[in-house]
Amino acid sequence: MSGIPQKTISRIETGVSVPNFKTVISLVEALKKEVVFNLI
């Protein structure tokens, strides 16, 4: 998962530490898209 920018990682950590499930879900969706894009 080296293709994930540090900003995204820190955003995910923030989203996990803050009980904001909408933020977590949107980050997970964005992460999925990023991973799929990197695999192409």
N, C-alpha and C. Protein backbone atom coordinates (compact mmCIF):
# COMPACT_ATOMS: atom_id res chain seq x y z
N MET A 1 0.83 -1.20 0.00
CA MET A 1 0.00 0.00 0.00
C MET A 1 0.87 1.25 0.00
N SER A 2 2.01 1.17 -0.64
CA SER A 2 2.92 2.31 -0.68
C SER A 2 2.41 3.42 -1.59
N GLY A 3 1.40 3.09 -2.42
CA GLY A 3 0.86 4.07 -3.35
C GLY A 3 -0.08 5.08 -2.69
N ILE A 4 -0.40 4.85 -1.40
CA ILE A 4 -1.33 5.74 -0.71
C ILE A 4 -0.56 6.94 -0.16
N PRO A 5 -1.00 8.15 -0.49
CA PRO A 5 -0.31 9.34 0.01
C PRO A 5 -0.41 9.45 1.53
N GLN A 6 0.60 10.10 2.13
CA GLN A 6 0.63 10.26 3.58
C GLN A 6 -0.59 11.05 4.07
N LYS A 7 -1.04 12.02 3.26
CA LYS A 7 -2.22 12.82 3.63
C LYS A 7 -3.43 11.91 3.83
N THR A 8 -3.60 10.97 2.91
CA THR A 8 -4.74 10.06 3.00
C THR A 8 -4.64 9.21 4.26
N ILE A 9 -3.44 8.73 4.56
CA ILE A 9 -3.23 7.90 5.75
C ILE A 9 -3.57 8.69 7.01
N SER A 10 -3.08 9.93 7.09
CA SER A 10 -3.35 10.73 8.29
C SER A 10 -4.83 11.07 8.38
N ARG A 11 -5.49 11.26 7.23
CA ARG A 11 -6.93 11.53 7.23
C ARG A 11 -7.69 10.33 7.76
N ILE A 12 -7.26 9.14 7.35
CA ILE A 12 -7.91 7.92 7.82
C ILE A 12 -7.72 7.79 9.34
N GLU A 13 -6.50 8.05 9.82
CA GLU A 13 -6.23 7.97 11.25
C GLU A 13 -7.10 8.96 12.02
N THR A 14 -7.24 10.17 11.46
CA THR A 14 -8.08 11.18 12.09
C THR A 14 -9.53 10.71 12.10
N GLY A 15 -9.99 10.18 10.96
CA GLY A 15 -11.36 9.70 10.85
C GLY A 15 -11.65 8.57 11.82
N VAL A 16 -10.64 7.70 12.05
CA VAL A 16 -10.82 6.58 12.97
C VAL A 16 -10.85 7.07 14.40
N SER A 17 -9.99 8.04 14.74
CA SER A 17 -9.92 8.53 16.12
C SER A 17 -11.16 9.37 16.46
N VAL A 18 -11.72 10.03 15.45
CA VAL A 18 -12.95 10.80 15.66
C VAL A 18 -14.14 9.93 15.28
N PRO A 19 -15.12 9.78 16.17
CA PRO A 19 -16.26 8.91 15.88
C PRO A 19 -17.22 9.52 14.86
N ASN A 20 -16.70 9.76 13.67
CA ASN A 20 -17.52 10.33 12.60
C ASN A 20 -17.59 9.29 11.50
N PHE A 21 -18.64 8.46 11.54
CA PHE A 21 -18.71 7.31 10.65
C PHE A 21 -18.86 7.71 9.18
N LYS A 22 -19.53 8.81 8.93
CA LYS A 22 -19.67 9.27 7.55
C LYS A 22 -18.30 9.57 6.96
N THR A 23 -17.44 10.20 7.77
CA THR A 23 -16.09 10.52 7.31
C THR A 23 -15.32 9.23 7.03
N VAL A 24 -15.42 8.28 7.93
CA VAL A 24 -14.71 7.00 7.77
C VAL A 24 -15.18 6.30 6.50
N ILE A 25 -16.50 6.26 6.31
CA ILE A 25 -17.06 5.57 5.14
C ILE A 25 -16.58 6.25 3.85
N SER A 26 -16.64 7.59 3.83
CA SER A 26 -16.22 8.29 2.62
C SER A 26 -14.73 8.09 2.35
N LEU A 27 -13.94 8.02 3.42
CA LEU A 27 -12.51 7.78 3.25
C LEU A 27 -12.26 6.37 2.72
N VAL A 28 -13.01 5.41 3.24
CA VAL A 28 -12.86 4.02 2.78
C VAL A 28 -13.22 3.93 1.29
N GLU A 29 -14.29 4.61 0.89
CA GLU A 29 -14.69 4.60 -0.52
C GLU A 29 -13.60 5.22 -1.38
N ALA A 30 -13.06 6.35 -0.91
CA ALA A 30 -11.99 7.02 -1.66
C ALA A 30 -10.76 6.11 -1.74
N LEU A 31 -10.49 5.41 -0.65
CA LEU A 31 -9.34 4.51 -0.60
C LEU A 31 -9.52 3.36 -1.59
N LYS A 32 -10.72 2.80 -1.65
CA LYS A 32 -11.00 1.73 -2.61
C LYS A 32 -10.74 2.21 -4.04
N LYS A 33 -11.23 3.39 -4.36
CA LYS A 33 -11.04 3.94 -5.70
C LYS A 33 -9.55 4.12 -5.99
N GLU A 34 -8.82 4.60 -4.98
CA GLU A 34 -7.39 4.83 -5.16
C GLU A 34 -6.66 3.51 -5.42
N VAL A 35 -7.01 2.49 -4.64
CA VAL A 35 -6.35 1.19 -4.79
C VAL A 35 -6.67 0.61 -6.16
N VAL A 36 -7.93 0.68 -6.57
CA VAL A 36 -8.32 0.15 -7.88
C VAL A 36 -7.57 0.90 -8.98
N PHE A 37 -7.48 2.22 -8.84
CA PHE A 37 -6.79 3.03 -9.84
C PHE A 37 -5.31 2.63 -9.93
N ASN A 38 -4.70 2.35 -8.78
CA ASN A 38 -3.29 1.96 -8.76
C ASN A 38 -3.08 0.58 -9.38
N LEU A 39 -4.08 -0.28 -9.32
CA LEU A 39 -3.94 -1.64 -9.85
C LEU A 39 -4.05 -1.66 -11.37
N ILE A 40 -4.72 -0.67 -11.93
CA ILE A 40 -4.92 -0.64 -13.39
C ILE A 40 -3.59 -0.37 -14.10
